[in-house]
C-alpha atoms as a PDB file:
ATOM      1  CA  MET A   1      13.526 -32.905  31.856  1.00  0.00           C
ATOM      2  CA  GLN A   2      12.373 -35.621  29.165  1.00  0.00           C
ATOM      3  CA  ARG A   3      12.136 -38.504  32.014  1.00  0.00           C
ATOM      4  CA  ASP A   4       9.516 -35.845  33.851  1.00  0.00           C
ATOM      5  CA  SER A   5       7.582 -35.388  30.872  1.00  0.00           C
ATOM      6  CA  ILE A   6       7.612 -39.316  30.497  1.00  0.00           C
ATOM      7  CA  GLU A   7       6.243 -39.836  34.191  1.00  0.00           C
ATOM      8  CA  ASP A   8       3.853 -37.079  33.973  1.00  0.00           C
ATOM      9  CA  SER A   9       1.887 -38.516  31.280  1.00  0.00           C
ATOM     10  CA  ARG A  10       2.234 -42.441  32.612  1.00  0.00           C
ATOM     11  CA  ASP A  11       0.641 -41.060  35.505  1.00  0.00           C
ATOM     12  CA  ASN A  12      -2.034 -39.316  34.030  1.00  0.00           C
ATOM     13  CA  HIS A  13      -5.110 -41.534  33.545  1.00  0.00           C
ATOM     14  CA  THR A  14      -7.249 -39.847  31.676  1.00  0.00           C
ATOM     15  CA  ALA A  15      -5.357 -37.740  29.364  1.00  0.00           C
ATOM     16  CA  ILE A  16      -5.355 -38.943  25.660  1.00  0.00           C
ATOM     17  CA  PRO A  17      -1.898 -40.783  24.692  1.00  0.00           C
ATOM     18  CA  ALA A  18       0.241 -38.501  22.078  1.00  0.00           C
ATOM     19  CA  ARG A  19      -0.202 -39.792  18.256  1.00  0.00           C
ATOM     20  CA  PRO A  20       2.822 -42.124  18.062  1.00  0.00           C
ATOM     21  CA  ASP A  21       1.314 -43.670  20.832  1.00  0.00           C
ATOM     22  CA  LEU A  22      -2.025 -43.713  19.467  1.00  0.00           C
ATOM     23  CA  ILE A  23      -1.019 -45.435  16.134  1.00  0.00           C
ATOM     24  CA  ARG A  24       1.054 -48.364  18.600  1.00  0.00           C
ATOM     25  CA  LEU A  25      -2.483 -49.078  20.783  1.00  0.00           C
ATOM     26  CA  GLY A  26      -4.541 -49.052  17.663  1.00  0.00           C
ATOM     27  CA  ILE A  27      -2.299 -51.906  16.117  1.00  0.00           C
ATOM     28  CA  GLY A  28      -2.034 -53.414  19.185  1.00  0.00           C
ATOM     29  CA  ILE A  29      -5.823 -53.660  19.481  1.00  0.00           C
ATOM     30  CA  LEU A  30      -5.766 -55.848  16.326  1.00  0.00           C
ATOM     31  CA  GLY A  31      -3.067 -57.753  16.995  1.00  0.00           C
ATOM     32  CA  ILE A  32      -4.660 -59.138  20.385  1.00  0.00           C
ATOM     33  CA  GLY A  33      -7.730 -59.143  18.727  1.00  0.00           C
ATOM     34  CA  THR A  34      -6.909 -61.963  16.754  1.00  0.00           C
ATOM     35  CA  SER A  35      -5.915 -64.025  19.768  1.00  0.00           C
ATOM     36  CA  GLY A  36      -9.268 -65.044  20.985  1.00  0.00           C
ATOM     37  CA  PRO A  37     -10.513 -66.638  17.639  1.00  0.00           C
ATOM     38  CA  LEU A  38      -7.173 -68.455  17.490  1.00  0.00           C
ATOM     39  CA  ILE A  39      -7.450 -69.708  20.598  1.00  0.00           C
ATOM     40  CA  ALA A  40     -10.424 -71.242  20.072  1.00  0.00           C
ATOM     41  CA  MET A  41      -9.659 -72.847  16.759  1.00  0.00           C
ATOM     42  CA  SER A  42      -6.358 -74.582  18.417  1.00  0.00           C
ATOM     43  CA  THR A  43      -6.495 -78.305  19.180  1.00  0.00           C
ATOM     44  CA  MET A  44      -3.387 -77.977  21.400  1.00  0.00           C
ATOM     45  CA  PRO A  45      -3.406 -78.255  24.863  1.00  0.00           C
ATOM     46  CA  ILE A  46      -3.811 -74.765  26.587  1.00  0.00           C
ATOM     47  CA  SER A  47      -0.224 -74.778  28.639  1.00  0.00           C
ATOM     48  CA  THR A  48       1.516 -76.227  25.771  1.00  0.00           C
ATOM     49  CA  LEU A  49      -0.054 -73.153  23.485  1.00  0.00           C
ATOM     50  CA  ILE A  50       1.063 -70.655  25.746  1.00  0.00           C
ATOM     51  CA  PHE A  51       4.449 -72.451  26.470  1.00  0.00           C
ATOM     52  CA  TRP A  52       5.478 -71.684  22.015  1.00  0.00           C
ATOM     53  CA  ARG A  53       3.222 -68.583  21.843  1.00  0.00           C
ATOM     54  CA  ASN A  54       5.887 -66.835  24.764  1.00  0.00           C
ATOM     55  CA  LEU A  55       8.698 -68.310  23.620  1.00  0.00           C
ATOM     56  CA  GLY A  56       8.226 -67.699  20.046  1.00  0.00           C
ATOM     57  CA  GLY A  57       7.909 -63.897  21.183  1.00  0.00           C
ATOM     58  CA  SER A  58      10.806 -63.713  23.874  1.00  0.00           C
ATOM     59  CA  LEU A  59      13.197 -64.868  21.296  1.00  0.00           C
ATOM     60  CA  LEU A  60      11.832 -62.549  18.633  1.00  0.00           C
ATOM     61  CA  THR A  61      12.640 -59.515  20.940  1.00  0.00           C
ATOM     62  CA  ALA A  62      16.262 -61.357  22.418  1.00  0.00           C
ATOM     63  CA  PRO A  63      18.361 -59.667  19.480  1.00  0.00           C
ATOM     64  CA  PHE A  64      16.757 -55.755  20.181  1.00  0.00           C
ATOM     65  CA  ALA A  65      17.370 -56.215  23.862  1.00  0.00           C
ATOM     66  CA  TRP A  66      20.470 -57.781  23.674  1.00  0.00           C
ATOM     67  CA  ARG A  67      21.729 -53.942  22.092  1.00  0.00           C
ATOM     68  CA  HIS A  68      20.519 -52.475  25.117  1.00  0.00           C
ATOM     69  CA  ARG A  69      22.799 -54.648  27.342  1.00  0.00           C
ATOM     70  CA  GLN A  70      20.351 -53.636  30.662  1.00  0.00           C
ATOM     71  CA  TRP A  71      20.865 -57.136  32.727  1.00  0.00           C
ATOM     72  CA  SER A  72      22.400 -55.333  36.094  1.00  0.00           C
ATOM     73  CA  GLU A  73      19.074 -53.530  35.951  1.00  0.00           C
ATOM     74  CA  LYS A  74      17.957 -55.846  38.688  1.00  0.00           C
ATOM     75  CA  LYS A  75      14.853 -53.587  40.023  1.00  0.00           C
ATOM     76  CA  GLY A  76      13.621 -53.602  36.105  1.00  0.00           C
ATOM     77  CA  LEU A  77      14.683 -57.228  35.794  1.00  0.00           C
ATOM     78  CA  ALA A  78      12.611 -58.314  39.066  1.00  0.00           C
ATOM     79  CA  TRP A  79       9.205 -56.588  37.677  1.00  0.00           C
ATOM     80  CA  SER A  80       9.727 -57.542  34.378  1.00  0.00           C
ATOM     81  CA  ALA A  81      10.149 -61.291  35.987  1.00  0.00           C
ATOM     82  CA  GLY A  82       6.928 -60.689  38.243  1.00  0.00           C
ATOM     83  CA  ALA A  83       4.792 -59.507  34.811  1.00  0.00           C
ATOM     84  CA  GLY A  84       5.993 -63.051  33.207  1.00  0.00           C
ATOM     85  CA  LEU A  85       4.512 -64.807  36.313  1.00  0.00           C
ATOM     86  CA  LEU A  86       1.091 -62.682  36.378  1.00  0.00           C
ATOM     87  CA  LEU A  87       1.257 -63.106  32.362  1.00  0.00           C
ATOM     88  CA  ALA A  88       1.093 -66.736  32.436  1.00  0.00           C
ATOM     89  CA  LEU A  89      -1.729 -66.922  34.848  1.00  0.00           C
ATOM     90  CA  HIS A  90      -3.702 -64.685  33.175  1.00  0.00           C
ATOM     91  CA  PHE A  91      -3.339 -67.046  29.839  1.00  0.00           C
ATOM     92  CA  LEU A  92      -4.407 -69.563  31.544  1.00  0.00           C
ATOM     93  CA  CYS A  93      -7.500 -68.053  32.560  1.00  0.00           C
ATOM     94  CA  PHE A  94      -8.267 -66.329  29.253  1.00  0.00           C
ATOM     95  CA  PHE A  95      -7.121 -69.641  26.786  1.00  0.00           C
ATOM     96  CA  LEU A  96      -9.545 -71.548  29.427  1.00  0.00           C
ATOM     97  CA  ALA A  97     -12.541 -68.583  28.899  1.00  0.00           C
ATOM     98  CA  MET A  98     -11.555 -68.942  24.711  1.00  0.00           C
ATOM     99  CA  ARG A  99     -12.406 -72.515  25.254  1.00  0.00           C
ATOM    100  CA  TRP A 100     -15.150 -72.672  27.105  1.00  0.00           C
ATOM    101  CA  THR A 101     -17.332 -69.985  26.197  1.00  0.00           C
ATOM    102  CA  SER A 102     -17.599 -68.043  23.316  1.00  0.00           C
ATOM    103  CA  VAL A 103     -15.201 -65.522  22.284  1.00  0.00           C
ATOM    104  CA  ALA A 104     -17.343 -62.394  22.401  1.00  0.00           C
ATOM    105  CA  ALA A 105     -18.290 -63.845  25.477  1.00  0.00           C
ATOM    106  CA  GLY A 106     -15.087 -64.641  26.842  1.00  0.00           C
ATOM    107  CA  THR A 107     -12.876 -60.907  25.817  1.00  0.00           C
ATOM    108  CA  ALA A 108     -15.955 -58.984  27.458  1.00  0.00           C
ATOM    109  CA  MET A 109     -15.528 -60.640  30.499  1.00  0.00           C
ATOM    110  CA  VAL A 110     -11.858 -60.029  30.453  1.00  0.00           C
ATOM    111  CA  ALA A 111     -12.794 -56.352  28.996  1.00  0.00           C
ATOM    112  CA  LEU A 112     -13.489 -55.976  32.959  1.00  0.00           C
ATOM    113  CA  GLN A 113      -9.600 -55.558  33.229  1.00  0.00           C
ATOM    114  CA  PRO A 114      -9.823 -51.352  33.324  1.00  0.00           C
ATOM    115  CA  ILE A 115     -12.095 -51.759  36.352  1.00  0.00           C
ATOM    116  CA  PHE A 116      -9.460 -53.314  38.244  1.00  0.00           C
ATOM    117  CA  ALA A 117      -6.510 -51.226  36.489  1.00  0.00           C
ATOM    118  CA  ALA A 118      -8.186 -48.168  38.419  1.00  0.00           C
ATOM    119  CA  ILE A 119      -8.845 -50.413  41.772  1.00  0.00           C
ATOM    120  CA  PHE A 120      -5.563 -51.319  41.576  1.00  0.00           C
ATOM    121  CA  VAL A 121      -4.208 -47.672  40.556  1.00  0.00           C
ATOM    122  CA  LYS A 122      -6.743 -46.327  43.477  1.00  0.00           C
ATOM    123  CA  PHE A 123      -5.419 -48.537  46.096  1.00  0.00           C
ATOM    124  CA  PHE A 124      -1.818 -46.991  45.333  1.00  0.00           C
ATOM    125  CA  GLY A 125      -2.761 -43.644  45.363  1.00  0.00           C
ATOM    126  CA  GLY A 126      -3.478 -42.449  42.307  1.00  0.00           C
ATOM    127  CA  HIS A 127      -6.285 -40.231  41.249  1.00  0.00           C
ATOM    128  CA  ILE A 128      -9.283 -41.397  39.100  1.00  0.00           C
ATOM    129  CA  PRO A 129     -11.749 -38.528  38.594  1.00  0.00           C
ATOM    130  CA  PRO A 130     -15.374 -38.752  38.541  1.00  0.00           C
ATOM    131  CA  ARG A 131     -15.488 -38.841  34.503  1.00  0.00           C
ATOM    132  CA  ALA A 132     -13.392 -41.777  34.225  1.00  0.00           C
ATOM    133  CA  TRP A 133     -15.589 -43.746  36.904  1.00  0.00           C
ATOM    134  CA  LEU A 134     -18.916 -43.131  34.924  1.00  0.00           C
ATOM    135  CA  GLY A 135     -17.451 -44.402  32.125  1.00  0.00           C
ATOM    136  CA  MET A 136     -16.033 -48.112  33.801  1.00  0.00           C
ATOM    137  CA  VAL A 137     -19.870 -48.166  35.225  1.00  0.00           C
ATOM    138  CA  VAL A 138     -21.286 -47.491  31.768  1.00  0.00           C
ATOM    139  CA  SER A 139     -18.582 -50.249  30.319  1.00  0.00           C
ATOM    140  CA  PHE A 140     -19.538 -52.730  33.246  1.00  0.00           C
ATOM    141  CA  SER A 141     -23.005 -52.342  31.994  1.00  0.00           C
ATOM    142  CA  GLY A 142     -21.819 -53.166  28.414  1.00  0.00           C
ATOM    143  CA  VAL A 143     -20.101 -55.963  29.823  1.00  0.00           C
ATOM    144  CA  LEU A 144     -22.550 -57.261  32.066  1.00  0.00           C
ATOM    145  CA  LEU A 145     -25.507 -57.477  29.370  1.00  0.00           C
ATOM    146  CA  VAL A 146     -22.521 -59.290  26.530  1.00  0.00           C
ATOM    147  CA  SER A 147     -21.864 -61.889  29.097  1.00  0.00           C
ATOM    148  CA  GLY A 148     -24.879 -62.477  30.822  1.00  0.00           C
ATOM    149  CA  VAL A 149     -26.611 -64.193  27.811  1.00  0.00           C
ATOM    150  CA  ASP A 150     -23.749 -66.924  28.407  1.00  0.00           C
ATOM    151  CA  LEU A 151     -24.694 -67.251  31.974  1.00  0.00           C
ATOM    152  CA  HIS A 152     -27.995 -69.676  31.728  1.00  0.00           C
ATOM    153  CA  ILE A 153     -26.721 -71.579  28.609  1.00  0.00           C
ATOM    154  CA  SER A 154     -24.153 -74.126  30.634  1.00  0.00           C
ATOM    155  CA  LEU A 155     -22.371 -74.442  33.535  1.00  0.00           C
ATOM    156  CA  ARG A 156     -19.260 -74.601  31.397  1.00  0.00           C
ATOM    157  CA  ALA A 157     -20.062 -71.409  29.868  1.00  0.00           C
ATOM    158  CA  PHE A 158     -20.728 -69.906  33.094  1.00  0.00           C
ATOM    159  CA  GLU A 159     -16.843 -71.583  34.382  1.00  0.00           C
ATOM    160  CA  GLY A 160     -15.538 -69.473  31.337  1.00  0.00           C
ATOM    161  CA  ASP A 161     -17.281 -66.451  32.230  1.00  0.00           C
ATOM    162  CA  LEU A 162     -15.825 -66.823  35.704  1.00  0.00           C
ATOM    163  CA  ALA A 163     -12.211 -67.735  33.781  1.00  0.00           C
ATOM    164  CA  GLY A 164     -12.333 -64.305  32.105  1.00  0.00           C
ATOM    165  CA  LEU A 165     -13.322 -62.409  35.253  1.00  0.00           C
ATOM    166  CA  VAL A 166     -10.317 -63.727  36.947  1.00  0.00           C
ATOM    167  CA  SER A 167      -8.296 -63.210  33.868  1.00  0.00           C
ATOM    168  CA  ALA A 168      -9.262 -59.264  34.011  1.00  0.00           C
ATOM    169  CA  SER A 169      -8.036 -58.631  37.068  1.00  0.00           C
ATOM    170  CA  LEU A 170      -4.470 -60.456  36.617  1.00  0.00           C
ATOM    171  CA  ALA A 171      -4.416 -58.350  33.216  1.00  0.00           C
ATOM    172  CA  ALA A 172      -4.865 -55.214  34.744  1.00  0.00           C
ATOM    173  CA  ALA A 173      -1.780 -56.120  37.916  1.00  0.00           C
ATOM    174  CA  TYR A 174       0.166 -57.335  34.749  1.00  0.00           C
ATOM    175  CA  MET A 175       0.158 -53.953  33.124  1.00  0.00           C
ATOM    176  CA  LEU A 176       0.897 -52.244  36.195  1.00  0.00           C
ATOM    177  CA  ALA A 177       3.979 -54.636  36.719  1.00  0.00           C
ATOM    178  CA  GLY A 178       5.015 -53.703  33.098  1.00  0.00           C
ATOM    179  CA  SER A 179       4.695 -50.254  33.612  1.00  0.00           C
ATOM    180  CA  LYS A 180       6.590 -50.017  36.803  1.00  0.00           C
ATOM    181  CA  ALA A 181       9.502 -52.389  34.649  1.00  0.00           C
ATOM    182  CA  GLN A 182       9.630 -50.070  32.124  1.00  0.00           C
ATOM    183  CA  GLU A 183      10.654 -47.156  34.543  1.00  0.00           C
ATOM    184  CA  SER A 184      13.855 -48.592  34.128  1.00  0.00           C
ATOM    185  CA  VAL A 185      14.655 -51.069  31.316  1.00  0.00           C
ATOM    186  CA  GLU A 186      13.693 -50.892  27.500  1.00  0.00           C
ATOM    187  CA  THR A 187      10.644 -52.115  26.000  1.00  0.00           C
ATOM    188  CA  THR A 188      12.362 -55.391  24.172  1.00  0.00           C
ATOM    189  CA  THR A 189      14.318 -55.948  27.679  1.00  0.00           C
ATOM    190  CA  TYR A 190      11.230 -56.308  29.206  1.00  0.00           C
ATOM    191  CA  THR A 191       9.430 -58.099  27.178  1.00  0.00           C
ATOM    192  CA  THR A 192      11.822 -60.291  26.353  1.00  0.00           C
ATOM    193  CA  VAL A 193      12.323 -61.201  30.274  1.00  0.00           C
ATOM    194  CA  CYS A 194       8.563 -60.939  30.094  1.00  0.00           C
ATOM    195  CA  TYR A 195       7.829 -63.722  27.869  1.00  0.00           C
ATOM    196  CA  PHE A 196      10.522 -65.796  28.867  1.00  0.00           C
ATOM    197  CA  VAL A 197       9.120 -66.133  32.392  1.00  0.00           C
ATOM    198  CA  CYS A 198       5.203 -67.078  31.258  1.00  0.00           C
ATOM    199  CA  ALA A 199       6.814 -69.577  28.926  1.00  0.00           C
ATOM    200  CA  ILE A 200       8.550 -71.080  31.544  1.00  0.00           C
ATOM    201  CA  SER A 201       6.252 -70.566  34.427  1.00  0.00           C
ATOM    202  CA  VAL A 202       3.494 -73.152  32.430  1.00  0.00           C
ATOM    203  CA  LEU A 203       6.492 -75.508  31.226  1.00  0.00           C
ATOM    204  CA  PRO A 204       5.654 -77.675  34.000  1.00  0.00           C
ATOM    205  CA  ILE A 205       2.174 -78.205  33.075  1.00  0.00           C
ATOM    206  CA  ALA A 206       2.971 -78.568  29.488  1.00  0.00           C
ATOM    207  CA  PHE A 207       4.957 -81.621  30.725  1.00  0.00           C
ATOM    208  CA  SER A 208       2.640 -83.305  33.036  1.00  0.00           C
ATOM    209  CA  SER A 209       0.613 -83.786  29.779  1.00  0.00           C
ATOM    210  CA  PRO A 210       0.459 -86.852  27.935  1.00  0.00           C
ATOM    211  CA  ILE A 211       0.377 -85.122  24.809  1.00  0.00           C
ATOM    212  CA  SER A 212       3.606 -84.782  22.917  1.00  0.00           C
ATOM    213  CA  LEU A 213       4.881 -80.557  23.410  1.00  0.00           C
ATOM    214  CA  ILE A 214       5.683 -80.594  19.279  1.00  0.00           C
ATOM    215  CA  HIS A 215       3.640 -83.267  17.567  1.00  0.00           C
ATOM    216  CA  PHE A 216       0.608 -81.121  16.263  1.00  0.00           C
ATOM    217  CA  SER A 217      -0.693 -80.759  12.901  1.00  0.00           C
ATOM    218  CA  ALA A 218       0.237 -78.160  10.651  1.00  0.00           C
ATOM    219  CA  LYS A 219      -2.698 -76.347  11.246  1.00  0.00           C
ATOM    220  CA  ASP A 220      -1.891 -76.061  14.741  1.00  0.00           C
ATOM    221  CA  TRP A 221       1.208 -74.698  13.877  1.00  0.00           C
ATOM    222  CA  TRP A 222       0.315 -71.805  12.126  1.00  0.00           C
ATOM    223  CA  ILE A 223      -2.103 -70.761  14.422  1.00  0.00           C
ATOM    224  CA  VAL A 224       0.981 -70.929  17.153  1.00  0.00           C
ATOM    225  CA  GLY A 225       2.806 -68.324  13.990  1.00  0.00           C
ATOM    226  CA  GLY A 226      -0.393 -66.275  13.955  1.00  0.00           C
ATOM    227  CA  LEU A 227      -0.276 -65.741  17.238  1.00  0.00           C
ATOM    228  CA  ILE A 228       3.083 -65.102  18.154  1.00  0.00           C
ATOM    229  CA  LEU A 229       3.533 -62.071  15.304  1.00  0.00           C
ATOM    230  CA  GLY A 230      -0.387 -60.818  15.234  1.00  0.00           C
ATOM    231  CA  ALA A 231      -1.518 -61.223  19.382  1.00  0.00           C
ATOM    232  CA  GLN A 232       2.197 -61.434  20.802  1.00  0.00           C
ATOM    233  CA  ILE A 233       4.218 -58.664  19.068  1.00  0.00           C
ATOM    234  CA  LEU A 234       1.868 -56.740  17.480  1.00  0.00           C
ATOM    235  CA  GLY A 235      -0.429 -57.182  20.431  1.00  0.00           C
ATOM    236  CA  HIS A 236       1.263 -57.490  23.626  1.00  0.00           C
ATOM    237  CA  THR A 237       4.429 -55.677  22.380  1.00  0.00           C
ATOM    238  CA  MET A 238       2.667 -52.846  21.203  1.00  0.00           C
ATOM    239  CA  PHE A 239       1.258 -51.929  24.377  1.00  0.00           C
ATOM    240  CA  ASN A 240       3.977 -52.470  26.385  1.00  0.00           C
ATOM    241  CA  ALA A 241       5.725 -49.892  24.318  1.00  0.00           C
ATOM    242  CA  ALA A 242       3.060 -47.762  24.871  1.00  0.00           C
ATOM    243  CA  LEU A 243       3.106 -48.256  28.488  1.00  0.00           C
ATOM    244  CA  ARG A 244       6.414 -46.495  28.530  1.00  0.00           C
ATOM    245  CA  ARG A 245       4.279 -43.089  28.723  1.00  0.00           C
ATOM    246  CA  VAL A 246       0.633 -44.065  28.981  1.00  0.00           C
ATOM    247  CA  SER A 247      -0.951 -44.665  31.909  1.00  0.00           C
ATOM    248  CA  PRO A 248      -1.640 -48.311  32.648  1.00  0.00           C
ATOM    249  CA  ALA A 249      -5.422 -47.532  33.495  1.00  0.00           C
ATOM    250  CA  VAL A 250      -5.781 -46.009  29.850  1.00  0.00           C
ATOM    251  CA  VAL A 251      -4.369 -48.575  28.126  1.00  0.00           C
ATOM    252  CA  SER A 252      -6.513 -51.050  29.698  1.00  0.00           C
ATOM    253  CA  LEU A 253      -9.191 -48.964  29.190  1.00  0.00           C
ATOM    254  CA  ILE A 254      -8.330 -48.745  24.847  1.00  0.00           C
ATOM    255  CA  ILE A 255      -7.934 -52.591  25.287  1.00  0.00           C
ATOM    256  CA  PHE A 256     -12.040 -52.527  25.420  1.00  0.00           C
ATOM    257  CA  PHE A 257     -11.790 -52.521  21.684  1.00  0.00           C
ATOM    258  CA  GLU A 258     -11.031 -56.062  21.304  1.00  0.00           C
ATOM    259  CA  VAL A 259     -14.348 -57.290  22.192  1.00  0.00           C
ATOM    260  CA  PRO A 260     -15.674 -56.165  18.690  1.00  0.00           C
ATOM    261  CA  VAL A 261     -12.886 -57.058  16.901  1.00  0.00           C
ATOM    262  CA  SER A 262     -12.245 -60.301  18.468  1.00  0.00           C
ATOM    263  CA  SER A 263     -16.427 -60.703  17.937  1.00  0.00           C
ATOM    264  CA  LEU A 264     -16.131 -59.852  14.489  1.00  0.00           C
ATOM    265  CA  LEU A 265     -13.033 -62.424  13.390  1.00  0.00           C
ATOM    266  CA  ALA A 266     -14.997 -65.084  15.434  1.00  0.00           C
ATOM    267  CA  LEU A 267     -18.004 -64.509  13.699  1.00  0.00           C
ATOM    268  CA  TRP A 268     -15.888 -64.492  10.069  1.00  0.00           C
ATOM    269  CA  TRP A 269     -13.619 -67.387  10.932  1.00  0.00           C
ATOM    270  CA  LEU A 270     -15.623 -69.519  13.198  1.00  0.00           C
ATOM    271  CA  GLY A 271     -19.220 -68.818  12.653  1.00  0.00           C
ATOM    272  CA  GLN A 272     -19.642 -67.318  16.278  1.00  0.00           C
ATOM    273  CA  THR A 273     -22.810 -65.662  15.978  1.00  0.00           C
ATOM    274  CA  PRO A 274     -23.087 -62.955  19.138  1.00  0.00           C
ATOM    275  CA  ALA A 275     -26.586 -63.137  20.997  1.00  0.00           C
ATOM    276  CA  LEU A 276     -29.052 -60.348  19.985  1.00  0.00           C
ATOM    277  CA  LEU A 277     -27.873 -58.370  23.330  1.00  0.00           C
ATOM    278  CA  VAL A 278     -24.357 -58.663  22.681  1.00  0.00           C
ATOM    279  CA  VAL A 279     -24.593 -55.811  20.014  1.00  0.00           C
ATOM    280  CA  PRO A 280     -26.084 -53.154  22.306  1.00  0.00           C
ATOM    281  CA  GLY A 281     -23.595 -54.611  24.812  1.00  0.00           C
ATOM    282  CA  ILE A 282     -20.558 -53.824  23.342  1.00  0.00           C
ATOM    283  CA  ALA A 283     -21.593 -50.090  22.163  1.00  0.00           C
ATOM    284  CA  LEU A 284     -22.224 -49.529  25.820  1.00  0.00           C
ATOM    285  CA  ILE A 285     -18.616 -50.733  26.510  1.00  0.00           C
ATOM    286  CA  LEU A 286     -17.392 -48.251  23.100  1.00  0.00           C
ATOM    287  CA  GLY A 287     -19.243 -45.444  24.817  1.00  0.00           C
ATOM    288  CA  GLY A 288     -17.972 -45.954  28.186  1.00  0.00           C
ATOM    289  CA  CYS A 289     -14.879 -45.717  26.889  1.00  0.00           C
ATOM    290  CA  ALA A 290     -15.414 -42.870  25.055  1.00  0.00           C
ATOM    291  CA  LEU A 291     -16.317 -41.169  28.524  1.00  0.00           C
ATOM    292  CA  VAL A 292     -13.172 -41.703  29.913  1.00  0.00           C
ATOM    293  CA  VAL A 293     -10.645 -41.226  27.315  1.00  0.00           C
ATOM    294  CA  LEU A 294     -12.198 -39.179  24.186  1.00  0.00           C
ATOM    295  CA  ARG A 295     -13.971 -36.465  26.202  1.00  0.00           C
ATOM    296  CA  THR A 296     -10.263 -35.201  27.508  1.00  0.00           C
ATOM    297  CA  ARG A 297      -7.896 -32.868  26.404  1.00  0.00           C
ATOM    298  CA  PRO A 298      -4.548 -33.912  24.467  1.00  0.00           C
ATOM    299  CA  GLN A 299      -1.703 -34.041  26.493  1.00  0.00           C
ATOM    300  CA  GLN A 300       1.872 -32.833  25.020  1.00  0.00           C
ATOM    301  CA  VAL A 301       4.246 -35.804  25.479  1.00  0.00           C
ATOM    302  CA  VAL A 302       7.951 -35.872  25.022  1.00  0.00           C
ATOM    303  CA  VAL A 303       8.181 -39.716  23.498  1.00  0.00           C
ATOM    304  CA  ALA A 304      11.504 -41.356  23.636  1.00  0.00           C
END
């Protein structure tokens, strides 16, 4: 009965998550909101930064995964490994976006992932009600307004926008794979395998660089630590925990709030002042989220 309740909540693509998952998602937003500014501050090669961030995340969750001893759950582990590969590709594009364009514009482009999540859900037979599509259109217009300012600045900035767009589609696929994996394995098992596969996937690229994997400044290592504890553990891991009960489409929509968090932190830490049109663009993004998430009735969910 409990499993049926969890599956019903995960298949409902408009219901407000239960309070414990709202808390997880709120912490997750703050966690991933630090990611963009920290990546922009780091001087590590992208593949090396991805490697250490995910290896650290995997090592931190491994002791908890070991207690569950789910290493015979082949289907769940296969989905976890697939999610890890998707996460590696997502990070490669996301990190490029953070380096090539502004944090505000890059995170705004990545915020398109709910559009891709909805398309994927619809493709696999899920139902997306008209209210959700309307909210996505409103949010998408805000994303265009935020990122469109970047298009005329430079070719590199435009390439950063494209990297963010590809990153959004990969993030949506990663969310869906993570949801499938956690149908048969615990969150800690999933994250340990997922993060480890992500780390190994980029290791050949890191080795191909003439720069060492370890010889960096103390500042860069502090940034790695911040990414592991903030973006990886408090960010991705909290979202992955919510995915056990919450639709990937809803989780992707809530991630829209990463845009204002990252933009404010970039203003504070990097002095990146958003263009004037960014503010109404972010307002449209949040308004679209409200249409999809807040104008639905709460659903009773049995929490595992």
